[in-house]
Amino acid sequence: MSAMVSFRSVVDPSDCDFLGHMNVSRYFAACSDGVLAIQSEMGLTANDMRTGRRVSFAVVNAQSDFRAELTAGESIRLETEVVAIGSKSMTFRHRLFRADGNKIAFETEFKCVLLSLETRQATEIPDDVRERATKWLGNPT
């Protein structure tokens, strides 16, 4: 397995801007939810962030392509995979699909550092998280 379904939704009219298509901020909100979902699968759950290891991935760079408009009422699915694993960073690829026809509407890569929520500095990725992450390791672009 490389990609996991990390988010599903239906585009709400409130997600759309005055041009009638989904606003840029909503694309990135879906990807943020996707990072939290895959992070949880790697063993870094919300509870772990609050009271456990006190770490979470934080985006430091994003490269994005908007490929097709999304409008209110469309069903969407986000697939997330790991592209690269460093000592303190991980790069995630997110692909947002229009469920009807399975067409890619948006693709982005997020380079994230594992952020200590105590020191607000990048920290080493624990071995168990690194090992679980390999389950979603796809091909680099």
C-alpha atoms as a PDB file:
ATOM      1  CA  MET A   1       0.000   0.000   0.000  1.00  0.00           C
ATOM      2  CA  SER A   2       1.208   3.513  -0.619  1.00  0.00           C
ATOM      3  CA  ALA A   3      -1.694   6.006  -0.518  1.00  0.00           C
ATOM      4  CA  MET A   4      -4.406   6.042   2.116  1.00  0.00           C
ATOM      5  CA  VAL A   5      -7.795   7.717   1.944  1.00  0.00           C
ATOM      6  CA  SER A   6      -7.255  10.438   4.521  1.00  0.00           C
ATOM      7  CA  PHE A   7     -10.342  12.634   4.052  1.00  0.00           C
ATOM      8  CA  ARG A   8     -13.791  12.474   2.447  1.00  0.00           C
ATOM      9  CA  SER A   9     -16.392  15.186   2.157  1.00  0.00           C
ATOM     10  CA  VAL A  10     -18.945  16.917  -0.001  1.00  0.00           C
ATOM     11  CA  VAL A  11     -18.212  20.467  -1.133  1.00  0.00           C
ATOM     12  CA  ASP A  12     -20.561  22.698   0.835  1.00  0.00           C
ATOM     13  CA  PRO A  13     -21.790  26.001  -0.623  1.00  0.00           C
ATOM     14  CA  SER A  14     -19.973  27.728   2.265  1.00  0.00           C
ATOM     15  CA  ASP A  15     -16.705  26.172   0.947  1.00  0.00           C
ATOM     16  CA  CYS A  16     -17.107  28.129  -2.303  1.00  0.00           C
ATOM     17  CA  ASP A  17     -15.952  31.645  -3.121  1.00  0.00           C
ATOM     18  CA  PHE A  18     -17.642  34.355  -5.198  1.00  0.00           C
ATOM     19  CA  LEU A  19     -16.426  32.625  -8.387  1.00  0.00           C
ATOM     20  CA  GLY A  20     -18.612  29.636  -7.507  1.00  0.00           C
ATOM     21  CA  HIS A  21     -15.825  27.110  -6.938  1.00  0.00           C
ATOM     22  CA  MET A  22     -14.224  25.701  -3.818  1.00  0.00           C
ATOM     23  CA  ASN A  23     -12.009  28.296  -2.170  1.00  0.00           C
ATOM     24  CA  VAL A  24      -8.252  27.722  -1.986  1.00  0.00           C
ATOM     25  CA  SER A  25      -8.368  27.696   1.822  1.00  0.00           C
ATOM     26  CA  ARG A  26     -10.679  24.657   1.754  1.00  0.00           C
ATOM     27  CA  TYR A  27      -8.234  22.657  -0.385  1.00  0.00           C
ATOM     28  CA  PHE A  28      -5.537  23.240   2.215  1.00  0.00           C
ATOM     29  CA  ALA A  29      -7.925  22.515   5.096  1.00  0.00           C
ATOM     30  CA  ALA A  30      -8.643  19.095   3.551  1.00  0.00           C
ATOM     31  CA  CYS A  31      -4.901  18.436   3.282  1.00  0.00           C
ATOM     32  CA  SER A  32      -4.367  19.520   6.884  1.00  0.00           C
ATOM     33  CA  ASP A  33      -7.008  16.981   7.931  1.00  0.00           C
ATOM     34  CA  GLY A  34      -5.209  14.428   5.745  1.00  0.00           C
ATOM     35  CA  VAL A  35      -1.892  14.993   7.541  1.00  0.00           C
ATOM     36  CA  LEU A  36      -3.611  14.562  10.914  1.00  0.00           C
ATOM     37  CA  ALA A  37      -5.262  11.341   9.735  1.00  0.00           C
ATOM     38  CA  ILE A  38      -2.070   9.721   8.434  1.00  0.00           C
ATOM     39  CA  GLN A  39      -0.115  11.043  11.432  1.00  0.00           C
ATOM     40  CA  SER A  40      -2.595   9.295  13.715  1.00  0.00           C
ATOM     41  CA  GLU A  41      -2.140   6.063  11.761  1.00  0.00           C
ATOM     42  CA  MET A  42       1.607   6.449  12.377  1.00  0.00           C
ATOM     43  CA  GLY A  43       0.995   6.530  16.136  1.00  0.00           C
ATOM     44  CA  LEU A  44       0.875  10.286  16.699  1.00  0.00           C
ATOM     45  CA  THR A  45      -2.756  10.677  17.771  1.00  0.00           C
ATOM     46  CA  ALA A  46      -4.486  13.830  19.010  1.00  0.00           C
ATOM     47  CA  ASN A  47      -4.273  12.473  22.556  1.00  0.00           C
ATOM     48  CA  ASP A  48      -0.579  11.797  22.045  1.00  0.00           C
ATOM     49  CA  MET A  49      -0.150  15.422  20.927  1.00  0.00           C
ATOM     50  CA  ARG A  50      -1.984  16.731  24.002  1.00  0.00           C
ATOM     51  CA  THR A  51      -0.537  14.567  26.756  1.00  0.00           C
ATOM     52  CA  GLY A  52       1.914  12.079  25.245  1.00  0.00           C
ATOM     53  CA  ARG A  53       4.979  12.848  23.185  1.00  0.00           C
ATOM     54  CA  ARG A  54       3.763  16.422  22.509  1.00  0.00           C
ATOM     55  CA  VAL A  55       4.844  16.451  18.860  1.00  0.00           C
ATOM     56  CA  SER A  56       3.027  17.011  15.578  1.00  0.00           C
ATOM     57  CA  PHE A  57       3.922  17.512  11.931  1.00  0.00           C
ATOM     58  CA  ALA A  58       3.932  21.137  10.760  1.00  0.00           C
ATOM     59  CA  VAL A  59       4.082  22.255   7.117  1.00  0.00           C
ATOM     60  CA  VAL A  60       7.209  24.211   6.165  1.00  0.00           C
ATOM     61  CA  ASN A  61       6.844  24.090   2.355  1.00  0.00           C
ATOM     62  CA  ALA A  62       4.001  23.373  -0.081  1.00  0.00           C
ATOM     63  CA  GLN A  63       4.061  22.878  -3.860  1.00  0.00           C
ATOM     64  CA  SER A  64       0.575  22.742  -5.365  1.00  0.00           C
ATOM     65  CA  ASP A  65      -1.273  22.236  -8.653  1.00  0.00           C
ATOM     66  CA  PHE A  66      -4.945  23.109  -9.084  1.00  0.00           C
ATOM     67  CA  ARG A  67      -6.167  20.890 -11.926  1.00  0.00           C
ATOM     68  CA  ALA A  68      -9.970  21.131 -11.969  1.00  0.00           C
ATOM     69  CA  GLU A  69     -12.646  23.237 -10.341  1.00  0.00           C
ATOM     70  CA  LEU A  70     -14.780  21.789  -7.569  1.00  0.00           C
ATOM     71  CA  THR A  71     -18.274  23.129  -6.958  1.00  0.00           C
ATOM     72  CA  ALA A  72     -20.943  22.792  -4.290  1.00  0.00           C
ATOM     73  CA  GLY A  73     -22.461  19.337  -4.013  1.00  0.00           C
ATOM     74  CA  GLU A  74     -19.482  17.427  -5.423  1.00  0.00           C
ATOM     75  CA  SER A  75     -18.205  14.466  -3.444  1.00  0.00           C
ATOM     76  CA  ILE A  76     -14.436  14.589  -2.890  1.00  0.00           C
ATOM     77  CA  ARG A  77     -11.792  12.175  -1.619  1.00  0.00           C
ATOM     78  CA  LEU A  78      -8.248  12.943  -0.481  1.00  0.00           C
ATOM     79  CA  GLU A  79      -5.513  10.351  -0.803  1.00  0.00           C
ATOM     80  CA  THR A  80      -2.263  10.849   1.086  1.00  0.00           C
ATOM     81  CA  GLU A  81       1.082   9.104   0.790  1.00  0.00           C
ATOM     82  CA  VAL A  82       4.587   9.623   2.125  1.00  0.00           C
ATOM     83  CA  VAL A  83       7.131  10.726  -0.478  1.00  0.00           C
ATOM     84  CA  ALA A  84      10.244  11.108   1.696  1.00  0.00           C
ATOM     85  CA  ILE A  85      11.309  10.446   5.272  1.00  0.00           C
ATOM     86  CA  GLY A  86      14.155  12.460   6.774  1.00  0.00           C
ATOM     87  CA  SER A  87      15.555  12.571  10.279  1.00  0.00           C
ATOM     88  CA  LYS A  88      13.233  15.421  11.372  1.00  0.00           C
ATOM     89  CA  SER A  89      10.984  15.823   8.334  1.00  0.00           C
ATOM     90  CA  MET A  90       8.530  13.944   6.179  1.00  0.00           C
ATOM     91  CA  THR A  91       7.100  14.908   2.791  1.00  0.00           C
ATOM     92  CA  PHE A  92       3.459  14.049   2.095  1.00  0.00           C
ATOM     93  CA  ARG A  93       1.747  13.985  -1.301  1.00  0.00           C
ATOM     94  CA  HIS A  94      -1.977  14.741  -1.257  1.00  0.00           C
ATOM     95  CA  ARG A  95      -4.274  14.155  -4.214  1.00  0.00           C
ATOM     96  CA  LEU A  96      -7.817  15.474  -4.041  1.00  0.00           C
ATOM     97  CA  PHE A  97     -10.167  13.570  -6.344  1.00  0.00           C
ATOM     98  CA  ARG A  98     -13.615  14.402  -7.621  1.00  0.00           C
ATOM     99  CA  ALA A  99     -15.345  11.154  -6.613  1.00  0.00           C
ATOM    100  CA  ASP A 100     -17.590  11.238  -9.692  1.00  0.00           C
ATOM    101  CA  GLY A 101     -15.262  10.097 -12.456  1.00  0.00           C
ATOM    102  CA  ASN A 102     -12.249   9.779 -10.154  1.00  0.00           C
ATOM    103  CA  LYS A 103     -10.591  12.906 -11.648  1.00  0.00           C
ATOM    104  CA  ILE A 104      -7.716  14.617  -9.797  1.00  0.00           C
ATOM    105  CA  ALA A 105      -8.780  18.169  -8.959  1.00  0.00           C
ATOM    106  CA  PHE A 106      -5.782  19.152  -6.824  1.00  0.00           C
ATOM    107  CA  GLU A 107      -2.347  17.797  -5.984  1.00  0.00           C
ATOM    108  CA  THR A 108       0.169  19.105  -3.484  1.00  0.00           C
ATOM    109  CA  GLU A 109       3.278  18.069  -1.633  1.00  0.00           C
ATOM    110  CA  PHE A 110       3.739  19.210   1.959  1.00  0.00           C
ATOM    111  CA  LYS A 111       7.205  19.074   3.461  1.00  0.00           C
ATOM    112  CA  CYS A 112       6.606  18.866   7.199  1.00  0.00           C
ATOM    113  CA  VAL A 113       8.898  18.900  10.185  1.00  0.00           C
ATOM    114  CA  LEU A 114       8.080  17.001  13.338  1.00  0.00           C
ATOM    115  CA  LEU A 115       7.557  19.908  15.702  1.00  0.00           C
ATOM    116  CA  SER A 116       8.054  19.659  19.453  1.00  0.00           C
ATOM    117  CA  LEU A 117       5.000  21.348  20.943  1.00  0.00           C
ATOM    118  CA  GLU A 118       7.102  22.171  24.028  1.00  0.00           C
ATOM    119  CA  THR A 119      10.137  23.824  22.387  1.00  0.00           C
ATOM    120  CA  ARG A 120       8.530  24.755  19.021  1.00  0.00           C
ATOM    121  CA  GLN A 121      11.623  23.312  17.310  1.00  0.00           C
ATOM    122  CA  ALA A 122      12.009  20.438  14.834  1.00  0.00           C
ATOM    123  CA  THR A 123      12.724  17.140  16.563  1.00  0.00           C
ATOM    124  CA  GLU A 124      13.816  13.652  15.492  1.00  0.00           C
ATOM    125  CA  ILE A 125      11.107  11.371  14.138  1.00  0.00           C
ATOM    126  CA  PRO A 126      10.765   8.425  16.549  1.00  0.00           C
ATOM    127  CA  ASP A 127      11.741   5.014  15.149  1.00  0.00           C
ATOM    128  CA  ASP A 128       8.231   3.559  15.589  1.00  0.00           C
ATOM    129  CA  VAL A 129       6.673   6.453  13.630  1.00  0.00           C
ATOM    130  CA  ARG A 130       9.322   6.150  10.915  1.00  0.00           C
ATOM    131  CA  GLU A 131       8.661   2.404  10.640  1.00  0.00           C
ATOM    132  CA  ARG A 132       4.874   2.852  10.350  1.00  0.00           C
ATOM    133  CA  ALA A 133       5.340   5.656   7.779  1.00  0.00           C
ATOM    134  CA  THR A 134       6.999   3.256   5.335  1.00  0.00           C
ATOM    135  CA  LYS A 135       3.560   1.635   4.833  1.00  0.00           C
ATOM    136  CA  TRP A 136       2.526   4.747   2.853  1.00  0.00           C
ATOM    137  CA  LEU A 137       5.847   5.376   1.121  1.00  0.00           C
ATOM    138  CA  GLY A 138       5.150   6.100  -2.540  1.00  0.00           C
ATOM    139  CA  ASN A 139       7.390   7.161  -5.370  1.00  0.00           C
ATOM    140  CA  PRO A 140       9.075  10.584  -5.284  1.00  0.00           C
ATOM    141  CA  THR A 141       8.181  13.020  -8.054  1.00  0.00           C
END
